[in-house]
């Protein structure tokens, strides 16, 4: 299963606005960076209490990436960075 698909599935299962879940995958030679954006009011659901949900998601993608002899990094982005051009 692709890491991007895995994170999308997990995130959409957790949030109230699954249509606003956006995952951007940046492939490197040994590392894959996954940028996760969700609706602002869903950010707390993704991070969880004391970051437990985010930590669990990172553990799952690292396990999946290890199968492919890669390293995976999950970045949870706050807000919409495309609108912050000022």
N, C-alpha and C. Protein backbone atom coordinates (compact mmCIF):
# COMPACT_ATOMS: atom_id res chain seq x y z
N UNK A 1 0.86 -1.19 0.00
CA UNK A 1 0.00 0.00 0.00
C UNK A 1 0.90 1.25 0.00
N UNK A 2 0.58 2.20 -0.84
CA UNK A 2 1.36 3.44 -0.92
C UNK A 2 1.19 4.23 0.38
N UNK A 3 2.27 4.87 0.80
CA UNK A 3 2.23 5.64 2.04
C UNK A 3 1.21 6.77 1.99
N UNK A 4 1.12 7.43 0.83
CA UNK A 4 0.16 8.53 0.67
C UNK A 4 -1.28 8.02 0.87
N UNK A 5 -1.59 6.90 0.27
CA UNK A 5 -2.93 6.31 0.39
C UNK A 5 -3.22 5.92 1.83
N UNK A 6 -2.21 5.38 2.50
CA UNK A 6 -2.36 4.97 3.90
C UNK A 6 -2.68 6.17 4.80
N UNK A 7 -1.93 7.25 4.66
CA UNK A 7 -2.16 8.45 5.48
C UNK A 7 -3.51 9.08 5.15
N UNK A 8 -3.87 9.13 3.87
CA UNK A 8 -5.18 9.67 3.49
C UNK A 8 -6.30 8.88 4.15
N UNK A 9 -6.20 7.56 4.12
CA UNK A 9 -7.22 6.71 4.71
C UNK A 9 -7.36 6.96 6.22
N UNK A 10 -6.23 6.98 6.91
CA UNK A 10 -6.24 7.19 8.36
C UNK A 10 -6.81 8.57 8.69
N UNK A 11 -6.32 9.60 8.00
CA UNK A 11 -6.76 10.97 8.29
C UNK A 11 -8.25 11.15 8.00
N UNK A 12 -8.72 10.63 6.88
CA UNK A 12 -10.14 10.78 6.53
C UNK A 12 -11.04 10.05 7.52
N UNK A 13 -10.53 9.00 8.13
CA UNK A 13 -11.30 8.26 9.13
C UNK A 13 -11.41 9.02 10.44
N UNK A 14 -10.48 9.93 10.71
CA UNK A 14 -10.44 10.64 11.98
C UNK A 14 -11.18 11.98 11.98
N UNK A 15 -11.26 12.64 10.84
CA UNK A 15 -11.74 14.03 10.80
C UNK A 15 -13.23 14.15 10.49
N UNK A 16 -13.77 15.36 10.74
CA UNK A 16 -15.17 15.65 10.43
C UNK A 16 -15.35 16.08 8.97
N UNK A 17 -14.28 16.58 8.34
CA UNK A 17 -14.34 17.07 6.96
C UNK A 17 -13.35 16.29 6.09
N UNK A 18 -13.67 15.03 5.76
CA UNK A 18 -12.72 14.21 4.99
C UNK A 18 -12.44 14.76 3.59
N UNK A 19 -13.35 15.57 3.05
CA UNK A 19 -13.13 16.15 1.72
C UNK A 19 -12.02 17.20 1.73
N UNK A 20 -11.63 17.69 2.92
CA UNK A 20 -10.59 18.71 3.01
C UNK A 20 -9.24 18.13 3.39
N UNK A 21 -9.12 16.81 3.40
CA UNK A 21 -7.84 16.16 3.68
C UNK A 21 -7.00 16.19 2.40
N UNK A 22 -5.77 16.70 2.53
CA UNK A 22 -4.87 16.78 1.38
C UNK A 22 -3.50 16.25 1.80
N UNK A 23 -2.99 15.28 1.06
CA UNK A 23 -1.68 14.72 1.35
C UNK A 23 -0.79 14.93 0.14
N UNK A 24 0.37 15.56 0.38
CA UNK A 24 1.35 15.79 -0.67
C UNK A 24 2.56 14.91 -0.37
N UNK A 25 2.95 14.10 -1.34
CA UNK A 25 4.06 13.17 -1.14
C UNK A 25 5.28 13.66 -1.91
N UNK A 26 6.40 13.80 -1.19
CA UNK A 26 7.65 14.22 -1.80
C UNK A 26 8.62 13.05 -1.68
N UNK A 27 8.92 12.43 -2.82
CA UNK A 27 9.77 11.23 -2.86
C UNK A 27 11.22 11.62 -2.98
N UNK A 28 12.03 11.07 -2.11
CA UNK A 28 13.47 11.21 -2.23
C UNK A 28 14.07 9.85 -2.49
N UNK A 29 15.38 9.78 -2.55
CA UNK A 29 16.04 8.50 -2.82
C UNK A 29 15.84 7.52 -1.67
N UNK A 30 16.04 7.99 -0.44
CA UNK A 30 15.89 7.13 0.73
C UNK A 30 14.78 7.58 1.67
N UNK A 31 14.26 8.80 1.48
CA UNK A 31 13.27 9.35 2.40
C UNK A 31 12.05 9.83 1.63
N UNK A 32 10.88 9.58 2.19
CA UNK A 32 9.63 10.10 1.65
C UNK A 32 9.04 11.06 2.68
N UNK A 33 8.71 12.27 2.23
CA UNK A 33 8.09 13.26 3.10
C UNK A 33 6.62 13.34 2.74
N UNK A 34 5.76 13.20 3.74
CA UNK A 34 4.32 13.30 3.53
C UNK A 34 3.82 14.54 4.27
N UNK A 35 3.25 15.48 3.51
CA UNK A 35 2.69 16.70 4.09
C UNK A 35 1.18 16.52 4.18
N UNK A 36 0.66 16.61 5.38
CA UNK A 36 -0.77 16.42 5.63
C UNK A 36 -1.42 17.74 5.98
N UNK A 37 -2.46 18.09 5.22
CA UNK A 37 -3.24 19.29 5.51
C UNK A 37 -4.68 18.87 5.74
N UNK A 38 -5.30 19.42 6.80
CA UNK A 38 -6.70 19.14 7.10
C UNK A 38 -7.38 20.47 7.40
N UNK A 39 -8.71 20.44 7.53
CA UNK A 39 -9.45 21.64 7.90
C UNK A 39 -8.96 22.11 9.28
N UNK A 40 -8.97 23.42 9.49
CA UNK A 40 -8.44 23.98 10.72
C UNK A 40 -9.09 23.41 11.98
N UNK A 41 -10.41 23.18 11.92
CA UNK A 41 -11.10 22.65 13.11
C UNK A 41 -10.87 21.15 13.30
N UNK A 42 -10.23 20.48 12.33
CA UNK A 42 -9.91 19.06 12.46
C UNK A 42 -8.48 18.82 12.92
N UNK A 43 -7.70 19.88 13.04
CA UNK A 43 -6.29 19.75 13.40
C UNK A 43 -6.10 19.03 14.73
N UNK A 44 -6.94 19.34 15.70
CA UNK A 44 -6.85 18.71 17.02
C UNK A 44 -7.11 17.21 16.96
N UNK A 45 -7.99 16.78 16.07
CA UNK A 45 -8.28 15.35 15.93
C UNK A 45 -7.09 14.60 15.35
N UNK A 46 -6.35 15.26 14.46
CA UNK A 46 -5.19 14.64 13.84
C UNK A 46 -4.02 14.58 14.81
N UNK A 47 -3.83 15.63 15.59
CA UNK A 47 -2.70 15.67 16.53
C UNK A 47 -3.00 14.81 17.75
N UNK A 48 -4.21 14.90 18.28
CA UNK A 48 -4.60 14.10 19.44
C UNK A 48 -4.08 14.67 20.74
N UNK A 49 -4.49 14.07 21.84
CA UNK A 49 -4.03 14.53 23.15
C UNK A 49 -2.55 14.26 23.32
N UNK A 50 -1.83 15.32 23.63
CA UNK A 50 -0.37 15.24 23.83
C UNK A 50 0.33 14.67 22.60
N UNK A 51 -0.28 14.81 21.42
CA UNK A 51 0.35 14.35 20.19
C UNK A 51 0.31 12.85 19.97
N UNK A 52 -0.52 12.15 20.71
CA UNK A 52 -0.54 10.68 20.63
C UNK A 52 -1.01 10.17 19.27
N UNK A 53 -2.04 10.80 18.70
CA UNK A 53 -2.56 10.35 17.41
C UNK A 53 -1.52 10.56 16.32
N UNK A 54 -0.89 11.74 16.32
CA UNK A 54 0.15 12.03 15.32
C UNK A 54 1.32 11.06 15.47
N UNK A 55 1.70 10.76 16.69
CA UNK A 55 2.80 9.83 16.94
C UNK A 55 2.44 8.43 16.42
N UNK A 56 1.20 8.02 16.64
CA UNK A 56 0.76 6.71 16.16
C UNK A 56 0.78 6.65 14.63
N UNK A 57 0.33 7.73 13.98
CA UNK A 57 0.35 7.78 12.51
C UNK A 57 1.79 7.70 12.00
N UNK A 58 2.70 8.39 12.67
CA UNK A 58 4.11 8.35 12.27
C UNK A 58 4.69 6.94 12.44
N UNK A 59 4.29 6.26 13.50
CA UNK A 59 4.76 4.90 13.73
C UNK A 59 4.29 3.96 12.62
N UNK A 60 3.03 4.11 12.22
CA UNK A 60 2.46 3.25 11.18
C UNK A 60 3.16 3.49 9.84
N UNK A 61 3.37 4.76 9.46
CA UNK A 61 4.02 4.98 8.16
C UNK A 61 5.49 4.59 8.17
N UNK A 62 6.13 4.71 9.33
CA UNK A 62 7.53 4.27 9.41
C UNK A 62 7.62 2.75 9.26
N UNK A 63 6.67 2.03 9.83
CA UNK A 63 6.65 0.58 9.68
C UNK A 63 6.42 0.19 8.22
N UNK A 64 5.50 0.90 7.56
CA UNK A 64 5.23 0.62 6.15
C UNK A 64 6.42 0.98 5.27
N UNK A 65 7.10 2.07 5.59
CA UNK A 65 8.26 2.50 4.81
C UNK A 65 9.44 1.57 5.00
N UNK A 66 9.58 1.03 6.19
CA UNK A 66 10.68 0.11 6.48
C UNK A 66 10.59 -1.12 5.59
N UNK A 67 9.38 -1.54 5.28
CA UNK A 67 9.19 -2.68 4.37
C UNK A 67 9.81 -2.42 3.01
N UNK A 68 9.83 -1.14 2.61
CA UNK A 68 10.38 -0.75 1.31
C UNK A 68 11.81 -0.23 1.45
N UNK A 69 12.44 -0.46 2.61
CA UNK A 69 13.80 0.02 2.91
C UNK A 69 13.93 1.52 2.74
N UNK A 70 12.92 2.24 3.18
CA UNK A 70 12.92 3.70 3.11
C UNK A 70 12.65 4.27 4.49
N UNK A 71 12.71 5.59 4.57
CA UNK A 71 12.37 6.32 5.79
C UNK A 71 11.23 7.25 5.42
N UNK A 72 10.27 7.41 6.31
CA UNK A 72 9.13 8.28 6.04
C UNK A 72 9.01 9.34 7.13
N UNK A 73 8.68 10.56 6.71
CA UNK A 73 8.50 11.68 7.62
C UNK A 73 7.10 12.24 7.38
N UNK A 74 6.32 12.35 8.45
CA UNK A 74 4.99 12.94 8.35
C UNK A 74 5.03 14.35 8.91
N UNK A 75 4.68 15.32 8.08
CA UNK A 75 4.59 16.71 8.52
C UNK A 75 3.12 17.11 8.50
N UNK A 76 2.63 17.57 9.63
CA UNK A 76 1.25 18.03 9.73
C UNK A 76 1.29 19.55 9.62
N UNK A 77 0.74 20.07 8.52
CA UNK A 77 0.81 21.50 8.24
C UNK A 77 -0.41 22.20 8.81
N UNK A 78 -0.17 23.33 9.45
CA UNK A 78 -1.25 24.12 10.03
C UNK A 78 -1.71 25.16 9.03
N UNK A 79 -3.01 25.30 8.90
CA UNK A 79 -3.56 26.32 8.00
C UNK A 79 -3.28 26.00 6.55
N UNK A 80 -3.57 26.96 5.69
CA UNK A 80 -3.35 26.80 4.26
C UNK A 80 -2.15 27.65 3.86
N UNK A 81 -1.00 27.03 3.67
CA UNK A 81 0.23 27.75 3.37
C UNK A 81 0.17 28.49 2.04
N UNK A 82 -0.70 28.07 1.14
CA UNK A 82 -0.79 28.71 -0.17
C UNK A 82 -1.35 30.12 -0.07
N UNK A 83 -2.12 30.42 0.98
CA UNK A 83 -2.73 31.74 1.12
C UNK A 83 -1.88 32.70 1.93
N UNK A 84 -0.74 32.26 2.43
CA UNK A 84 0.12 33.10 3.28
C UNK A 84 1.25 33.71 2.48
N UNK A 85 0.97 34.36 1.37
CA UNK A 85 2.00 34.92 0.51
C UNK A 85 2.46 36.29 0.97
N UNK A 86 1.81 36.90 1.96
CA UNK A 86 2.20 38.24 2.42
C UNK A 86 3.30 38.18 3.42
